[in-house]
Amino acid sequence: MPGKVVMVLCDGLGDEIARRRMGYMEHLVEESAATRYTSRAVLPTMSRPNYESLHTGVPPYRHGKTSNHASEPSNQPNVFAATRAAGLTTAAVAFHWFSELYHESPFDPIAHLEYDDGKNGITYGRFYQHHAQPDSEMILRGVLLAGRYRPDYLLVHPMGIDNAGHDHGVASTEYAQAVSDIDELLADAVPRWLGLGYSVLVTADHGHDEHKYHGGTEDGVRNVPIYAVPRDGSGRGVQPELLSHLQVAPTICKELGVAVPATMKASPFVW
């Protein structure tokens, strides 16, 4: 039955480190309260191309966001626009690139930093400009927005894991600790969102490599986790199917009960 969705997009979270360090999320999977997949990021494994593909179901060569420098607004049907077209509301607590993609570009830190009446794709916006914004602030604001406004689709986008990967590398204590920290924050937030009637999707845009970067083709940067936590607790545990990031947008639309745009050609996955 259609319902509300929160997607937590943990920037820079690789699949293997999630499996080893995300004790709470893996506990939900072990108890079949969640479903776990591995998903393949689109190429190049940079953030803005994958932000757009996750929300449009379209590969970069078609949507045009082929690098992190492509700051133009989305020109494709996307989750935010489809949700608004259905008469529903959206919200985002995210890096300002999401404001440029789905609200207005270029980003104006005065006009766009925070608003509650967006006329474009994002109804309620809370954006940040500096990568070092604490993950705890992002998660808490996501819980606050869900409780205050009950948006139908809510994006929460913490960047602490990505910062640790760039600063210290994928094999560092700091990177592992950042993953454990976000898992601890989710252990508090996910039950709150479920209690508000949301299904929760936790995933990432890309992973990291030994060079403190990403962008290439190896499994470490392409493979990321998908944890799908249905609001009714009917998860299916670990699934062997390898997903594509192009399946995320149509899955969210289906879960919201909104029309899936014809441009989203990949099949939705099963929560």
C-alpha atoms as a PDB file:
ATOM      1  CA  MET A   1       0.000   0.000   0.000  1.00  0.00           C
ATOM      2  CA  PRO A   2       1.455   3.440  -0.918  1.00  0.00           C
ATOM      3  CA  GLY A   3       2.943   5.559   1.839  1.00  0.00           C
ATOM      4  CA  LYS A   4       5.590   8.059   2.866  1.00  0.00           C
ATOM      5  CA  VAL A   5       9.324   7.508   2.246  1.00  0.00           C
ATOM      6  CA  VAL A   6      12.552   8.760   3.841  1.00  0.00           C
ATOM      7  CA  MET A   7      15.763   8.203   1.883  1.00  0.00           C
ATOM      8  CA  VAL A   8      18.996   8.615   3.847  1.00  0.00           C
ATOM      9  CA  LEU A   9      21.770   9.091   1.301  1.00  0.00           C
ATOM     10  CA  CYS A  10      25.035   8.440   3.175  1.00  0.00           C
ATOM     11  CA  ASP A  11      27.594  10.113   0.958  1.00  0.00           C
ATOM     12  CA  GLY A  12      30.661   7.939   0.317  1.00  0.00           C
ATOM     13  CA  LEU A  13      29.422   4.762   2.051  1.00  0.00           C
ATOM     14  CA  GLY A  14      30.846   1.609   0.453  1.00  0.00           C
ATOM     15  CA  ASP A  15      29.111  -1.754   0.573  1.00  0.00           C
ATOM     16  CA  GLU A  16      31.729  -3.770   2.444  1.00  0.00           C
ATOM     17  CA  ILE A  17      32.363  -1.209   5.191  1.00  0.00           C
ATOM     18  CA  ALA A  18      28.609  -0.950   5.714  1.00  0.00           C
ATOM     19  CA  ARG A  19      28.361  -4.716   6.090  1.00  0.00           C
ATOM     20  CA  ARG A  20      31.137  -4.710   8.690  1.00  0.00           C
ATOM     21  CA  ARG A  21      30.379  -1.538  10.656  1.00  0.00           C
ATOM     22  CA  MET A  22      26.644  -0.813  10.479  1.00  0.00           C
ATOM     23  CA  GLY A  23      25.553  -3.008  13.364  1.00  0.00           C
ATOM     24  CA  TYR A  24      22.075  -1.548  13.781  1.00  0.00           C
ATOM     25  CA  MET A  25      21.146  -1.667  10.107  1.00  0.00           C
ATOM     26  CA  GLU A  26      22.531  -5.194   9.763  1.00  0.00           C
ATOM     27  CA  HIS A  27      20.553  -6.172  12.878  1.00  0.00           C
ATOM     28  CA  LEU A  28      17.337  -5.103  11.136  1.00  0.00           C
ATOM     29  CA  VAL A  29      18.364  -7.228   8.156  1.00  0.00           C
ATOM     30  CA  GLU A  30      19.226 -10.211  10.354  1.00  0.00           C
ATOM     31  CA  GLU A  31      15.798  -9.993  12.007  1.00  0.00           C
ATOM     32  CA  SER A  32      14.037  -9.595   8.606  1.00  0.00           C
ATOM     33  CA  ALA A  33      12.794  -6.164   9.635  1.00  0.00           C
ATOM     34  CA  ALA A  34      14.711  -4.800   6.617  1.00  0.00           C
ATOM     35  CA  THR A  35      15.807  -5.945   3.172  1.00  0.00           C
ATOM     36  CA  ARG A  36      19.445  -5.599   2.095  1.00  0.00           C
ATOM     37  CA  TYR A  37      20.782  -5.337  -1.430  1.00  0.00           C
ATOM     38  CA  THR A  38      24.041  -4.283  -3.051  1.00  0.00           C
ATOM     39  CA  SER A  39      23.599  -1.599  -5.709  1.00  0.00           C
ATOM     40  CA  ARG A  40      25.947  -0.481  -8.489  1.00  0.00           C
ATOM     41  CA  ALA A  41      26.541   3.243  -8.771  1.00  0.00           C
ATOM     42  CA  VAL A  42      26.506   4.819 -12.226  1.00  0.00           C
ATOM     43  CA  LEU A  43      29.715   5.963 -13.913  1.00  0.00           C
ATOM     44  CA  PRO A  44      31.484   8.191 -13.267  1.00  0.00           C
ATOM     45  CA  THR A  45      31.275   7.393  -9.556  1.00  0.00           C
ATOM     46  CA  MET A  46      31.084  11.054  -8.586  1.00  0.00           C
ATOM     47  CA  SER A  47      28.416  12.608  -6.417  1.00  0.00           C
ATOM     48  CA  ARG A  48      26.372  14.862  -8.677  1.00  0.00           C
ATOM     49  CA  PRO A  49      25.970  12.284 -11.477  1.00  0.00           C
ATOM     50  CA  ASN A  50      24.764   9.740  -8.937  1.00  0.00           C
ATOM     51  CA  TYR A  51      22.496  12.174  -7.069  1.00  0.00           C
ATOM     52  CA  GLU A  52      20.731  12.786 -10.370  1.00  0.00           C
ATOM     53  CA  SER A  53      20.583   9.141 -11.451  1.00  0.00           C
ATOM     54  CA  LEU A  54      19.237   8.078  -8.058  1.00  0.00           C
ATOM     55  CA  HIS A  55      16.390  10.587  -8.437  1.00  0.00           C
ATOM     56  CA  THR A  56      15.693  10.272 -12.172  1.00  0.00           C
ATOM     57  CA  GLY A  57      16.476   6.643 -13.007  1.00  0.00           C
ATOM     58  CA  VAL A  58      18.409   7.950 -16.017  1.00  0.00           C
ATOM     59  CA  PRO A  59      22.139   7.372 -16.770  1.00  0.00           C
ATOM     60  CA  PRO A  60      24.505  10.368 -16.853  1.00  0.00           C
ATOM     61  CA  TYR A  61      25.016  10.415 -20.635  1.00  0.00           C
ATOM     62  CA  ARG A  62      21.281  11.125 -20.937  1.00  0.00           C
ATOM     63  CA  HIS A  63      20.678  13.461 -17.994  1.00  0.00           C
ATOM     64  CA  GLY A  64      23.884  15.417 -18.663  1.00  0.00           C
ATOM     65  CA  LYS A  65      25.256  15.553 -15.112  1.00  0.00           C
ATOM     66  CA  THR A  66      28.541  13.857 -15.996  1.00  0.00           C
ATOM     67  CA  SER A  67      30.753  15.575 -13.406  1.00  0.00           C
ATOM     68  CA  ASN A  68      30.500  17.427 -10.110  1.00  0.00           C
ATOM     69  CA  HIS A  69      30.783  20.703 -12.019  1.00  0.00           C
ATOM     70  CA  ALA A  70      27.415  20.315 -13.781  1.00  0.00           C
ATOM     71  CA  SER A  71      25.362  22.735 -11.683  1.00  0.00           C
ATOM     72  CA  GLU A  72      22.352  23.216 -13.978  1.00  0.00           C
ATOM     73  CA  PRO A  73      18.910  22.164 -12.689  1.00  0.00           C
ATOM     74  CA  SER A  74      17.647  18.708 -13.514  1.00  0.00           C
ATOM     75  CA  ASN A  75      16.057  18.515 -16.973  1.00  0.00           C
ATOM     76  CA  GLN A  76      14.527  15.073 -16.380  1.00  0.00           C
ATOM     77  CA  PRO A  77      11.372  13.820 -14.683  1.00  0.00           C
ATOM     78  CA  ASN A  78      12.488  13.035 -11.138  1.00  0.00           C
ATOM     79  CA  VAL A  79      11.211  11.852  -7.765  1.00  0.00           C
ATOM     80  CA  PHE A  80      10.730  15.373  -6.406  1.00  0.00           C
ATOM     81  CA  ALA A  81       8.835  16.616  -9.468  1.00  0.00           C
ATOM     82  CA  ALA A  82       6.714  13.459  -9.739  1.00  0.00           C
ATOM     83  CA  THR A  83       5.768  13.703  -6.073  1.00  0.00           C
ATOM     84  CA  ARG A  84       4.762  17.362  -6.375  1.00  0.00           C
ATOM     85  CA  ALA A  85       2.813  16.656  -9.585  1.00  0.00           C
ATOM     86  CA  ALA A  86       0.763  14.118  -7.633  1.00  0.00           C
ATOM     87  CA  GLY A  87      -0.235  16.813  -5.142  1.00  0.00           C
ATOM     88  CA  LEU A  88       2.144  15.559  -2.439  1.00  0.00           C
ATOM     89  CA  THR A  89       4.920  17.326  -0.540  1.00  0.00           C
ATOM     90  CA  THR A  90       8.690  16.843  -0.419  1.00  0.00           C
ATOM     91  CA  ALA A  91      11.562  17.865   1.847  1.00  0.00           C
ATOM     92  CA  ALA A  92      15.356  17.752   1.811  1.00  0.00           C
ATOM     93  CA  VAL A  93      18.069  18.185   4.424  1.00  0.00           C
ATOM     94  CA  ALA A  94      21.033  18.071   2.092  1.00  0.00           C
ATOM     95  CA  PHE A  95      24.125  19.574   0.495  1.00  0.00           C
ATOM     96  CA  HIS A  96      23.286  22.605  -1.626  1.00  0.00           C
ATOM     97  CA  TRP A  97      23.846  20.710  -4.885  1.00  0.00           C
ATOM     98  CA  PHE A  98      20.406  19.169  -4.311  1.00  0.00           C
ATOM     99  CA  SER A  99      18.913  22.656  -4.159  1.00  0.00           C
ATOM    100  CA  GLU A 100      20.532  23.405  -7.516  1.00  0.00           C
ATOM    101  CA  LEU A 101      19.222  20.191  -9.035  1.00  0.00           C
ATOM    102  CA  TYR A 102      15.637  20.281  -7.791  1.00  0.00           C
ATOM    103  CA  HIS A 103      14.888  23.813  -6.563  1.00  0.00           C
ATOM    104  CA  GLU A 104      16.866  26.604  -8.231  1.00  0.00           C
ATOM    105  CA  SER A 105      20.381  27.186  -9.589  1.00  0.00           C
ATOM    106  CA  PRO A 106      22.705  28.853  -8.795  1.00  0.00           C
ATOM    107  CA  PHE A 107      22.391  28.356  -5.048  1.00  0.00           C
ATOM    108  CA  ASP A 108      21.720  31.570  -3.122  1.00  0.00           C
ATOM    109  CA  PRO A 109      22.769  31.078   0.527  1.00  0.00           C
ATOM    110  CA  ILE A 110      20.306  33.729   1.688  1.00  0.00           C
ATOM    111  CA  ALA A 111      17.245  32.807  -0.368  1.00  0.00           C
ATOM    112  CA  HIS A 112      17.763  29.040  -0.488  1.00  0.00           C
ATOM    113  CA  LEU A 113      19.441  28.061   2.779  1.00  0.00           C
ATOM    114  CA  GLU A 114      16.112  27.330   4.471  1.00  0.00           C
ATOM    115  CA  TYR A 115      12.505  27.603   3.309  1.00  0.00           C
ATOM    116  CA  ASP A 116       9.089  26.071   3.956  1.00  0.00           C
ATOM    117  CA  ASP A 117       7.151  26.995   0.835  1.00  0.00           C
ATOM    118  CA  GLY A 118       9.201  25.893  -2.155  1.00  0.00           C
ATOM    119  CA  LYS A 119       7.299  26.190  -5.425  1.00  0.00           C
ATOM    120  CA  ASN A 120       9.607  23.885  -7.384  1.00  0.00           C
ATOM    121  CA  GLY A 121      10.502  20.270  -6.606  1.00  0.00           C
ATOM    122  CA  ILE A 122      11.346  20.632  -2.921  1.00  0.00           C
ATOM    123  CA  THR A 123       8.613  21.931  -0.625  1.00  0.00           C
ATOM    124  CA  TYR A 124      10.660  22.176   2.585  1.00  0.00           C
ATOM    125  CA  GLY A 125      14.385  22.817   2.162  1.00  0.00           C
ATOM    126  CA  ARG A 126      17.283  22.812   4.625  1.00  0.00           C
ATOM    127  CA  PHE A 127      20.624  23.051   2.826  1.00  0.00           C
ATOM    128  CA  TYR A 128      24.293  23.391   3.785  1.00  0.00           C
ATOM    129  CA  GLN A 129      27.393  24.519   1.900  1.00  0.00           C
ATOM    130  CA  HIS A 130      30.320  23.122   3.873  1.00  0.00           C
ATOM    131  CA  HIS A 131      31.203  19.432   3.734  1.00  0.00           C
ATOM    132  CA  ALA A 132      32.054  19.308   7.435  1.00  0.00           C
ATOM    133  CA  GLN A 133      28.472  19.838   8.603  1.00  0.00           C
ATOM    134  CA  PRO A 134      27.956  17.303  11.454  1.00  0.00           C
ATOM    135  CA  ASP A 135      25.952  14.226  10.500  1.00  0.00           C
ATOM    136  CA  SER A 136      24.065  14.494  13.788  1.00  0.00           C
ATOM    137  CA  GLU A 137      22.639  17.842  12.671  1.00  0.00           C
ATOM    138  CA  MET A 138      21.458  16.375   9.361  1.00  0.00           C
ATOM    139  CA  ILE A 139      19.750  13.384  10.956  1.00  0.00           C
ATOM    140  CA  LEU A 140      18.125  15.442  13.717  1.00  0.00           C
ATOM    141  CA  ARG A 141      16.773  17.942  11.201  1.00  0.00           C
ATOM    142  CA  GLY A 142      15.422  15.063   9.144  1.00  0.00           C
ATOM    143  CA  VAL A 143      13.543  13.734  12.166  1.00  0.00           C
ATOM    144  CA  LEU A 144      12.340  17.248  12.982  1.00  0.00           C
ATOM    145  CA  LEU A 145      11.024  17.917   9.459  1.00  0.00           C
ATOM    146  CA  ALA A 146       9.268  14.559   9.347  1.00  0.00           C
ATOM    147  CA  GLY A 147       7.492  15.233  12.609  1.00  0.00           C
ATOM    148  CA  ARG A 148       6.658  18.868  11.917  1.00  0.00           C
ATOM    149  CA  TYR A 149       5.507  18.774   8.279  1.00  0.00           C
ATOM    150  CA  ARG A 150       5.003  15.070   7.449  1.00  0.00           C
ATOM    151  CA  PRO A 151       6.353  15.428   3.874  1.00  0.00           C
ATOM    152  CA  ASP A 152       5.549  12.491   1.649  1.00  0.00           C
ATOM    153  CA  TYR A 153       9.138  12.201   0.400  1.00  0.00           C
ATOM    154  CA  LEU A 154      12.047  13.263   2.598  1.00  0.00           C
ATOM    155  CA  LEU A 155      15.723  13.189   1.570  1.00  0.00           C
ATOM    156  CA  VAL A 156      18.355  13.279   4.331  1.00  0.00           C
ATOM    157  CA  HIS A 157      21.929  13.610   3.083  1.00  0.00           C
ATOM    158  CA  PRO A 158      24.832  13.404   5.592  1.00  0.00           C
ATOM    159  CA  MET A 159      28.419  13.764   4.312  1.00  0.00           C
ATOM    160  CA  GLY A 160      30.598  12.728   7.256  1.00  0.00           C
ATOM    161  CA  ILE A 161      31.595   9.377   5.730  1.00  0.00           C
ATOM    162  CA  ASP A 162      32.655  10.990   2.457  1.00  0.00           C
ATOM    163  CA  ASN A 163      34.717  13.592   4.322  1.00  0.00           C
ATOM    164  CA  ALA A 164      36.509  10.860   6.277  1.00  0.00           C
ATOM    165  CA  GLY A 165      37.213   8.948   3.068  1.00  0.00           C
ATOM    166  CA  HIS A 166      38.748  11.982   1.378  1.00  0.00           C
ATOM    167  CA  ASP A 167      40.737  13.059   4.428  1.00  0.00           C
ATOM    168  CA  HIS A 168      41.965   9.696   5.735  1.00  0.00           C
ATOM    169  CA  GLY A 169      41.280   6.941   3.182  1.00  0.00           C
ATOM    170  CA  VAL A 170      39.063   3.909   2.995  1.00  0.00           C
ATOM    171  CA  ALA A 171      41.292   1.782   5.277  1.00  0.00           C
ATOM    172  CA  SER A 172      41.486   4.387   8.053  1.00  0.00           C
ATOM    173  CA  THR A 173      40.123   4.300  11.573  1.00  0.00           C
ATOM    174  CA  GLU A 174      38.432   7.620  10.846  1.00  0.00           C
ATOM    175  CA  TYR A 175      36.479   6.235   7.883  1.00  0.00           C
ATOM    176  CA  ALA A 176      35.347   3.192   9.875  1.00  0.00           C
ATOM    177  CA  GLN A 177      34.358   5.406  12.807  1.00  0.00           C
ATOM    178  CA  ALA A 178      32.299   7.693  10.558  1.00  0.00           C
ATOM    179  CA  VAL A 179      30.328   4.651   9.348  1.00  0.00           C
ATOM    180  CA  SER A 180      29.763   3.473  12.925  1.00  0.00           C
ATOM    181  CA  ASP A 181      28.685   6.977  13.923  1.00  0.00           C
ATOM    182  CA  ILE A 182      26.009   7.239  11.224  1.00  0.00           C
ATOM    183  CA  ASP A 183      24.748   3.778  12.141  1.00  0.00           C
ATOM    184  CA  GLU A 184      24.336   4.911  15.754  1.00  0.00           C
ATOM    185  CA  LEU A 185      22.420   7.988  14.616  1.00  0.00           C
ATOM    186  CA  LEU A 186      20.172   5.811  12.453  1.00  0.00           C
ATOM    187  CA  ALA A 187      19.508   3.544  15.435  1.00  0.00           C
ATOM    188  CA  ASP A 188      17.683   6.482  16.996  1.00  0.00           C
ATOM    189  CA  ALA A 189      16.190   8.045  13.861  1.00  0.00           C
ATOM    190  CA  VAL A 190      14.841   5.011  11.984  1.00  0.00           C
ATOM    191  CA  PRO A 191      12.410   3.944  14.754  1.00  0.00           C
ATOM    192  CA  ARG A 192      11.171   7.541  14.943  1.00  0.00           C
ATOM    193  CA  TRP A 193      10.514   7.678  11.199  1.00  0.00           C
ATOM    194  CA  LEU A 194       8.829   4.280  11.285  1.00  0.00           C
ATOM    195  CA  GLY A 195       6.674   5.508  14.146  1.00  0.00           C
ATOM    196  CA  LEU A 196       5.552   8.413  11.956  1.00  0.00           C
ATOM    197  CA  GLY A 197       4.466   5.974   9.239  1.00  0.00           C
ATOM    198  CA  TYR A 198       7.501   6.230   6.939  1.00  0.00           C
ATOM    199  CA  SER A 199       9.320   3.481   5.107  1.00  0.00           C
ATOM    200  CA  VAL A 200      13.069   4.150   5.205  1.00  0.00           C
ATOM    201  CA  LEU A 201      15.665   3.614   2.485  1.00  0.00           C
ATOM    202  CA  VAL A 202      19.351   3.918   3.434  1.00  0.00           C
ATOM    203  CA  THR A 203      21.901   3.942   0.613  1.00  0.00           C
ATOM    204  CA  ALA A 204      24.854   5.888  -0.852  1.00  0.00           C
ATOM    205  CA  ASP A 205      26.012   7.632  -3.990  1.00  0.00           C
ATOM    206  CA  HIS A 206      29.413   5.856  -4.207  1.00  0.00           C
ATOM    207  CA  GLY A 207      32.159   4.309  -2.104  1.00  0.00           C
ATOM    208  CA  HIS A 208      35.868   5.194  -1.746  1.00  0.00           C
ATOM    209  CA  ASP A 209      39.213   3.814  -2.900  1.00  0.00           C
ATOM    210  CA  GLU A 210      42.704   3.551  -1.396  1.00  0.00           C
ATOM    211  CA  HIS A 211      43.665   6.861  -2.994  1.00  0.00           C
ATOM    212  CA  LYS A 212      41.194   8.823  -0.819  1.00  0.00           C
ATOM    213  CA  TYR A 213      38.940   9.357  -3.810  1.00  0.00           C
ATOM    214  CA  HIS A 214      36.322   7.898  -6.153  1.00  0.00           C
ATOM    215  CA  GLY A 215      35.208   8.362  -9.739  1.00  0.00           C
ATOM    216  CA  GLY A 216      36.522   5.158 -11.247  1.00  0.00           C
ATOM    217  CA  THR A 217      35.102   1.760 -12.074  1.00  0.00           C
ATOM    218  CA  GLU A 218      36.320  -0.648  -9.382  1.00  0.00           C
ATOM    219  CA  ASP A 219      33.907  -2.448  -7.091  1.00  0.00           C
ATOM    220  CA  GLY A 220      34.986  -0.469  -4.029  1.00  0.00           C
ATOM    221  CA  VAL A 221      33.636   2.761  -5.471  1.00  0.00           C
ATOM    222  CA  ARG A 222      30.694   1.282  -7.415  1.00  0.00           C
ATOM    223  CA  ASN A 223      29.163  -1.096  -4.881  1.00  0.00           C
ATOM    224  CA  VAL A 224      27.070   0.474  -2.127  1.00  0.00           C
ATOM    225  CA  PRO A 225      24.418  -0.892   0.238  1.00  0.00           C
ATOM    226  CA  ILE A 226      20.681  -0.505   0.022  1.00  0.00           C
ATOM    227  CA  TYR A 227      18.791  -1.066   3.266  1.00  0.00           C
ATOM    228  CA  ALA A 228      15.028  -0.980   2.662  1.00  0.00           C
ATOM    229  CA  VAL A 229      13.075  -0.778   5.928  1.00  0.00           C
ATOM    230  CA  PRO A 230       9.310  -1.090   5.336  1.00  0.00           C
ATOM    231  CA  ARG A 231       7.039   0.671   7.801  1.00  0.00           C
ATOM    232  CA  ASP A 232       5.170  -2.574   8.527  1.00  0.00           C
ATOM    233  CA  GLY A 233       8.326  -4.454   9.529  1.00  0.00           C
ATOM    234  CA  SER A 234       8.037  -6.999   6.716  1.00  0.00           C
ATOM    235  CA  GLY A 235      11.646  -7.032   5.520  1.00  0.00           C
ATOM    236  CA  ARG A 236      13.169  -9.958   3.609  1.00  0.00           C
ATOM    237  CA  GLY A 237      16.743 -10.057   4.908  1.00  0.00           C
ATOM    238  CA  VAL A 238      19.777 -10.287   2.607  1.00  0.00           C
ATOM    239  CA  GLN A 239      18.944 -10.537  -1.084  1.00  0.00           C
ATOM    240  CA  PRO A 240      21.441 -11.854  -3.665  1.00  0.00           C
ATOM    241  CA  GLU A 241      20.178  -9.664  -6.509  1.00  0.00           C
ATOM    242  CA  LEU A 242      22.648  -6.975  -7.619  1.00  0.00           C
ATOM    243  CA  LEU A 243      20.726  -3.761  -8.193  1.00  0.00           C
ATOM    244  CA  SER A 244      21.434  -0.660 -10.260  1.00  0.00           C
ATOM    245  CA  HIS A 245      21.132   2.903  -8.972  1.00  0.00           C
ATOM    246  CA  LEU A 246      18.690   3.420 -11.855  1.00  0.00           C
ATOM    247  CA  GLN A 247      16.161   1.257  -9.983  1.00  0.00           C
ATOM    248  CA  VAL A 248      15.964   3.541  -6.958  1.00  0.00           C
ATOM    249  CA  ALA A 249      13.837   6.355  -8.438  1.00  0.00           C
ATOM    250  CA  PRO A 250      11.059   4.121  -9.838  1.00  0.00           C
ATOM    251  CA  THR A 251      11.035   2.170  -6.562  1.00  0.00           C
ATOM    252  CA  ILE A 252      10.490   5.351  -4.542  1.00  0.00           C
ATOM    253  CA  CYS A 253       7.747   6.519  -6.921  1.00  0.00           C
ATOM    254  CA  LYS A 254       6.009   3.147  -6.635  1.00  0.00           C
ATOM    255  CA  GLU A 255       6.259   3.218  -2.845  1.00  0.00           C
ATOM    256  CA  LEU A 256       4.796   6.736  -2.791  1.00  0.00           C
ATOM    257  CA  GLY A 257       1.968   5.672  -5.088  1.00  0.00           C
ATOM    258  CA  VAL A 258       2.810   8.311  -7.706  1.00  0.00           C
ATOM    259  CA  ALA A 259       2.986   7.736 -11.460  1.00  0.00           C
ATOM    260  CA  VAL A 260       6.393   6.418 -12.539  1.00  0.00           C
ATOM    261  CA  PRO A 261       7.662   8.633 -15.384  1.00  0.00           C
ATOM    262  CA  ALA A 262       8.232   6.842 -18.696  1.00  0.00           C
ATOM    263  CA  THR A 263      11.897   7.885 -18.587  1.00  0.00           C
ATOM    264  CA  MET A 264      12.432   5.669 -15.527  1.00  0.00           C
ATOM    265  CA  LYS A 265      12.885   2.472 -17.507  1.00  0.00           C
ATOM    266  CA  ALA A 266      14.512   0.247 -14.851  1.00  0.00           C
ATOM    267  CA  SER A 267      12.325  -2.104 -12.841  1.00  0.00           C
ATOM    268  CA  PRO A 268      11.507  -1.200  -9.231  1.00  0.00           C
ATOM    269  CA  PHE A 269      13.005  -3.557  -6.665  1.00  0.00           C
ATOM    270  CA  VAL A 270      11.029  -5.295  -3.922  1.00  0.00           C
ATOM    271  CA  TRP A 271      11.200  -3.831  -0.439  1.00  0.00           C
END
